[in-house]
Every structure is written in structure tokens, then in C-alpha cells.
Amino acid sequence: MLDDDITLNHLSDHDVVRLVAGSRNGCAESQEAYQPALQDLAHGDPVAWQRSWGLTPAAARRLHAALELHRRLLRARRPTTALTQPAQVAQVMLPLVGLDHERLWCLCLDPRSRLIGEPVQISQGDVDGCDAGPRSFFRNALRRAASTAIAVHNHPSGDVSPSHADAAVTRRLVAAGRAVDVQLVDHVIVNATGGFVSLRLSQPELFR
């Protein structure tokens, strides 16, 4: 399918998928027949990949395994030091944010601001339309004996600009955190490419 002297960074997205799929017949031959987005591969649906990328079931399984390995490698690179910067939070969340719908997570931190366990998914759907209530959020933080917590949610569109709903959720979480003595130290919006915005930095008045 490919010459040995062609480096991977010169391959098209289509050819990289075919290469990971494992064989010439593992993926449809015609690039013109479809124009799927690489973003689709982050959704973790091998059945959908068979339609959009023309993969056989076996090739879809190989691709799924390769993507899972990538996610595990990203988790292995998570910082073990204190999470004090939004960029660190974005790095922690990279394995989780390639989704076609919004999700809200709680990052539980110990007294030294180190992550306790894995990020906890609190809700799914638009942040203003799903169960993003403080009770569910801080129930998980208290269960892990967290000293502080960070809220994180993804914007599948790629635009990490905070909405009015994002600000409103932040206000509720900050107030609830004070009531249960678990400070919300930030609310970070992330996207699938590593982009992020910290509401503590962009709208510090929400945390006063």
C-alpha cells in the first residue's frame, strides 16, 4: 500500500487509518467515496467507523485497540505533581475529551493539589441541560475525601469560549463547595485538540 521510505507524517489521514487497520482490504480504497473527519474516531464507535471509513469489522477492532492504547499512553503521561495550572488539567483530560457531546467531570484533589484517582464523570449532555447539580458533583468529592476540586467539561465544537450557562454552573458549584468545605479551585473548559480556558483566570469574579 505504501512505500517503505514514506514517513508517517507525510501520509494522508485516510492512509494512516488504512495503515493502522492492517491491510489494503481493511479500509475502502476510494478516498473520494467519503470524507470522514478524524474527530469521528475519538467517539469510540467501531460500528460507525465501518460505515464512515469503510472498515471491515476486524479492521475496526484493530483501530479501536490502537486508539485505546493511545488513550492509555496519555494517561501514563499525566502529571504526578500538584495540579495548579489549567494546562496541567487539560493534559490530564486529553484521553477523555474526544466526544460528540458535552460531559462534566470532577477532579478531586488532595491537600497538596494532587489528583485523587481518575476524573469522575458527573453528567452527560449540555452543561446547562444535564444534571450538573452541585449535589452530585460534591458527593463524589466528599466520597474521595477531597480537599479541593476542579470542574472540567468539554466543548465538542472546539470553541472553548465560556457560555453564560458555564458561568452560572460555576457560581453554583463555588457556593456549594463553600457550604461543604470543599473549595472549587477552577472550572476548565477543554476541547479534543488540547485547547482550554480557565474560568478562574478569565472570570475570576465567579470565585469570589
Protein backbone atom coordinates (compact mmCIF):
# COMPACT_ATOMS: atom_id res chain seq x y z
CA MET A 1 0.00 0.00 0.00
CA LEU A 2 2.81 2.41 0.93
CA ASP A 3 6.48 2.71 0.07
CA ASP A 4 8.82 1.98 2.96
CA ASP A 5 10.64 5.30 2.53
CA ILE A 6 7.49 7.40 3.03
CA THR A 7 7.45 8.78 6.56
CA LEU A 8 4.22 8.71 8.54
CA ASN A 9 3.94 12.48 8.80
CA HIS A 10 3.64 12.69 5.00
CA LEU A 11 0.68 10.30 4.86
CA SER A 12 -2.89 11.48 4.45
CA ASP A 13 -5.39 10.87 7.25
CA HIS A 14 -7.01 8.22 5.07
CA ASP A 15 -3.72 6.36 4.56
CA VAL A 16 -2.86 6.43 8.27
CA VAL A 17 -6.23 4.86 9.07
CA ARG A 18 -5.66 2.22 6.39
CA LEU A 19 -2.20 1.51 7.79
CA VAL A 20 -3.50 1.06 11.35
CA ALA A 21 -6.38 -1.04 10.02
CA GLY A 22 -3.75 -3.55 8.99
CA SER A 23 -4.26 -4.32 5.31
CA ARG A 24 -5.16 -2.90 1.94
CA ASN A 25 -8.56 -4.54 2.19
CA GLY A 26 -9.17 -3.31 5.74
CA CYS A 27 -10.38 0.07 4.54
CA ALA A 28 -12.24 1.24 1.47
CA GLU A 29 -9.95 2.08 -1.42
CA SER A 30 -11.54 5.26 -2.71
CA GLN A 31 -10.70 8.43 -0.83
CA GLU A 32 -13.29 10.26 -2.88
CA ALA A 33 -16.08 7.97 -1.74
CA TYR A 34 -16.24 9.59 1.68
CA GLN A 35 -14.69 12.43 3.65
CA PRO A 36 -14.99 11.41 7.32
CA ALA A 37 -13.35 13.56 9.98
CA LEU A 38 -10.62 12.27 12.27
CA GLN A 39 -12.75 13.68 15.10
CA ASP A 40 -15.16 10.79 14.42
CA LEU A 41 -12.52 8.31 15.57
CA ALA A 42 -12.48 9.84 19.04
CA HIS A 43 -16.09 8.84 19.66
CA GLY A 44 -15.21 5.21 20.24
CA ASP A 45 -17.87 3.64 17.99
CA PRO A 46 -16.31 0.91 15.82
CA VAL A 47 -19.65 0.17 14.14
CA ALA A 48 -19.89 3.77 12.94
CA TRP A 49 -16.30 3.61 11.69
CA GLN A 50 -17.23 0.67 9.47
CA ARG A 51 -19.70 2.93 7.69
CA SER A 52 -17.76 6.19 7.62
CA TRP A 53 -14.27 4.81 6.92
CA GLY A 54 -15.29 1.70 5.01
CA LEU A 55 -13.63 -0.59 7.56
CA THR A 56 -14.23 -4.29 7.94
CA PRO A 57 -15.26 -5.42 11.45
CA ALA A 58 -11.77 -6.85 12.07
CA ALA A 59 -10.10 -3.63 10.92
CA ALA A 60 -12.41 -1.57 13.13
CA ARG A 61 -11.40 -3.69 16.13
CA ARG A 62 -7.71 -3.15 15.36
CA LEU A 63 -8.26 0.58 15.07
CA HIS A 64 -10.24 0.62 18.32
CA ALA A 65 -7.38 -1.17 20.09
CA ALA A 66 -4.84 1.31 18.70
CA LEU A 67 -6.89 4.27 19.94
CA GLU A 68 -7.30 2.67 23.36
CA LEU A 69 -3.52 2.21 23.54
CA HIS A 70 -3.12 5.90 22.69
CA ARG A 71 -5.51 6.88 25.49
CA ARG A 72 -3.57 4.73 27.96
CA LEU A 73 -0.30 6.33 26.89
CA LEU A 74 -1.81 9.75 27.51
CA ARG A 75 -2.96 8.65 30.97
CA ALA A 76 0.57 7.40 31.71
CA ARG A 77 1.88 10.90 30.97
CA ARG A 78 -0.41 12.59 33.48
CA PRO A 79 1.43 14.85 35.90
CA THR A 80 2.01 13.33 39.33
CA THR A 81 2.76 16.73 40.84
CA ALA A 82 0.24 19.29 42.05
CA LEU A 83 -2.40 20.38 39.53
CA THR A 84 -2.02 24.13 39.85
CA GLN A 85 -2.19 25.24 36.21
CA PRO A 86 -5.04 24.91 33.66
CA ALA A 87 -2.59 23.46 31.13
CA GLN A 88 -1.95 20.56 33.50
CA VAL A 89 -5.69 19.97 33.82
CA ALA A 90 -6.05 19.96 30.02
CA GLN A 91 -3.28 17.37 29.77
CA VAL A 92 -4.98 15.14 32.33
CA MET A 93 -8.24 15.32 30.40
CA LEU A 94 -6.89 14.67 26.89
CA PRO A 95 -7.76 10.92 26.90
CA LEU A 96 -11.38 11.73 27.80
CA VAL A 97 -12.48 14.71 25.74
CA GLY A 98 -12.80 13.37 22.19
CA LEU A 99 -16.59 13.14 22.33
CA ASP A 100 -19.50 14.43 20.26
CA HIS A 101 -21.45 15.59 23.31
CA GLU A 102 -20.63 17.55 26.44
CA ARG A 103 -19.67 15.87 29.69
CA LEU A 104 -18.85 17.30 33.09
CA TRP A 105 -16.12 15.81 35.28
CA CYS A 106 -14.95 16.35 38.84
CA LEU A 107 -11.22 16.25 39.55
CA CYS A 108 -10.72 15.51 43.24
CA LEU A 109 -7.53 16.89 44.78
CA ASP A 110 -5.70 16.09 48.00
CA PRO A 111 -4.26 18.75 50.37
CA ARG A 112 -1.22 19.07 48.07
CA SER A 113 -3.44 19.58 45.00
CA ARG A 114 -2.59 16.16 43.58
CA LEU A 115 -5.23 14.21 41.68
CA ILE A 116 -7.03 11.55 43.71
CA GLY A 117 -7.82 8.63 41.40
CA GLU A 118 -9.36 9.11 37.96
CA PRO A 119 -11.55 12.08 36.93
CA VAL A 120 -15.17 11.33 37.86
CA GLN A 121 -17.82 11.86 35.19
CA ILE A 122 -20.73 13.74 36.76
CA SER A 123 -23.08 14.28 33.84
CA GLN A 124 -23.56 13.97 30.10
CA GLY A 125 -25.19 16.40 27.71
CA ASP A 126 -25.16 20.20 27.52
CA VAL A 127 -23.87 21.60 30.78
CA ASP A 128 -26.95 23.79 31.19
CA GLY A 129 -29.32 20.96 30.23
CA CYS A 130 -27.88 17.98 32.07
CA ASP A 131 -27.62 17.14 35.74
CA ALA A 132 -24.69 19.41 36.56
CA GLY A 133 -26.04 19.98 40.07
CA PRO A 134 -23.71 20.67 42.98
CA ARG A 135 -25.07 17.72 44.98
CA SER A 136 -23.82 15.11 42.53
CA PHE A 137 -20.53 16.95 41.99
CA PHE A 138 -19.59 17.30 45.63
CA ARG A 139 -20.95 13.90 46.65
CA ASN A 140 -18.08 12.43 44.65
CA ALA A 141 -15.56 14.90 46.06
CA LEU A 142 -16.59 14.09 49.63
CA ARG A 143 -16.57 10.36 48.91
CA ARG A 144 -12.89 10.67 47.98
CA ALA A 145 -12.12 12.93 50.94
CA ALA A 146 -11.03 15.68 48.57
CA SER A 147 -9.68 18.92 49.99
CA THR A 148 -10.42 20.85 46.80
CA ALA A 149 -11.94 20.08 43.42
CA ILE A 150 -11.76 21.21 39.80
CA ALA A 151 -14.73 21.10 37.43
CA VAL A 152 -13.95 20.24 33.82
CA HIS A 153 -16.23 19.98 30.82
CA ASN A 154 -15.61 19.64 27.11
CA HIS A 155 -16.87 21.65 24.15
CA PRO A 156 -17.17 19.24 21.19
CA SER A 157 -17.37 22.18 18.77
CA GLY A 158 -13.76 23.01 19.57
CA ASP A 159 -14.63 26.55 20.69
CA VAL A 160 -13.69 26.73 24.36
CA SER A 161 -15.24 30.16 24.96
CA PRO A 162 -17.31 30.05 28.19
CA SER A 163 -21.07 30.48 27.79
CA HIS A 164 -23.45 32.19 30.21
CA ALA A 165 -24.57 28.70 31.27
CA ASP A 166 -20.96 27.75 32.04
CA ALA A 167 -20.64 30.80 34.28
CA ALA A 168 -23.93 30.02 36.04
CA VAL A 169 -22.87 26.43 36.75
CA THR A 170 -19.57 27.72 38.11
CA ARG A 171 -21.33 30.09 40.51
CA ARG A 172 -23.50 27.26 41.85
CA LEU A 173 -20.53 24.95 42.32
CA VAL A 174 -18.47 27.61 44.07
CA ALA A 175 -21.30 28.34 46.52
CA ALA A 176 -21.95 24.66 47.19
CA GLY A 177 -18.26 23.98 47.72
CA ARG A 178 -18.12 26.61 50.43
CA ALA A 179 -21.10 25.00 52.16
CA VAL A 180 -19.41 21.59 52.35
CA ASP A 181 -15.87 22.92 52.88
CA VAL A 182 -14.52 21.63 49.56
CA GLN A 183 -13.26 24.60 47.56
CA LEU A 184 -13.84 24.67 43.81
CA VAL A 185 -10.47 25.96 42.66
CA ASP A 186 -11.25 26.16 38.93
CA HIS A 187 -13.65 25.29 36.14
CA VAL A 188 -11.73 24.43 32.98
CA ILE A 189 -13.29 24.07 29.53
CA VAL A 190 -11.36 21.79 27.18
CA ASN A 191 -11.56 20.51 23.61
CA ALA A 192 -10.25 17.44 21.81
CA THR A 193 -7.11 19.15 20.49
CA GLY A 194 -5.73 20.28 23.84
CA GLY A 195 -7.27 23.75 23.85
CA PHE A 196 -8.59 25.06 27.13
CA VAL A 197 -9.92 28.05 29.03
CA SER A 198 -9.80 28.53 32.80
CA LEU A 199 -12.82 30.34 34.21
CA ARG A 200 -10.79 31.22 37.29
CA LEU A 201 -8.39 33.15 35.07
CA SER A 202 -10.92 34.50 32.56
CA GLN A 203 -13.75 35.27 35.02
CA PRO A 204 -12.17 35.45 38.50
CA GLU A 205 -15.22 37.22 39.93
CA LEU A 206 -17.08 33.88 39.81
CA PHE A 207 -14.81 32.53 42.54
CA ARG A 208 -15.04 35.43 45.00
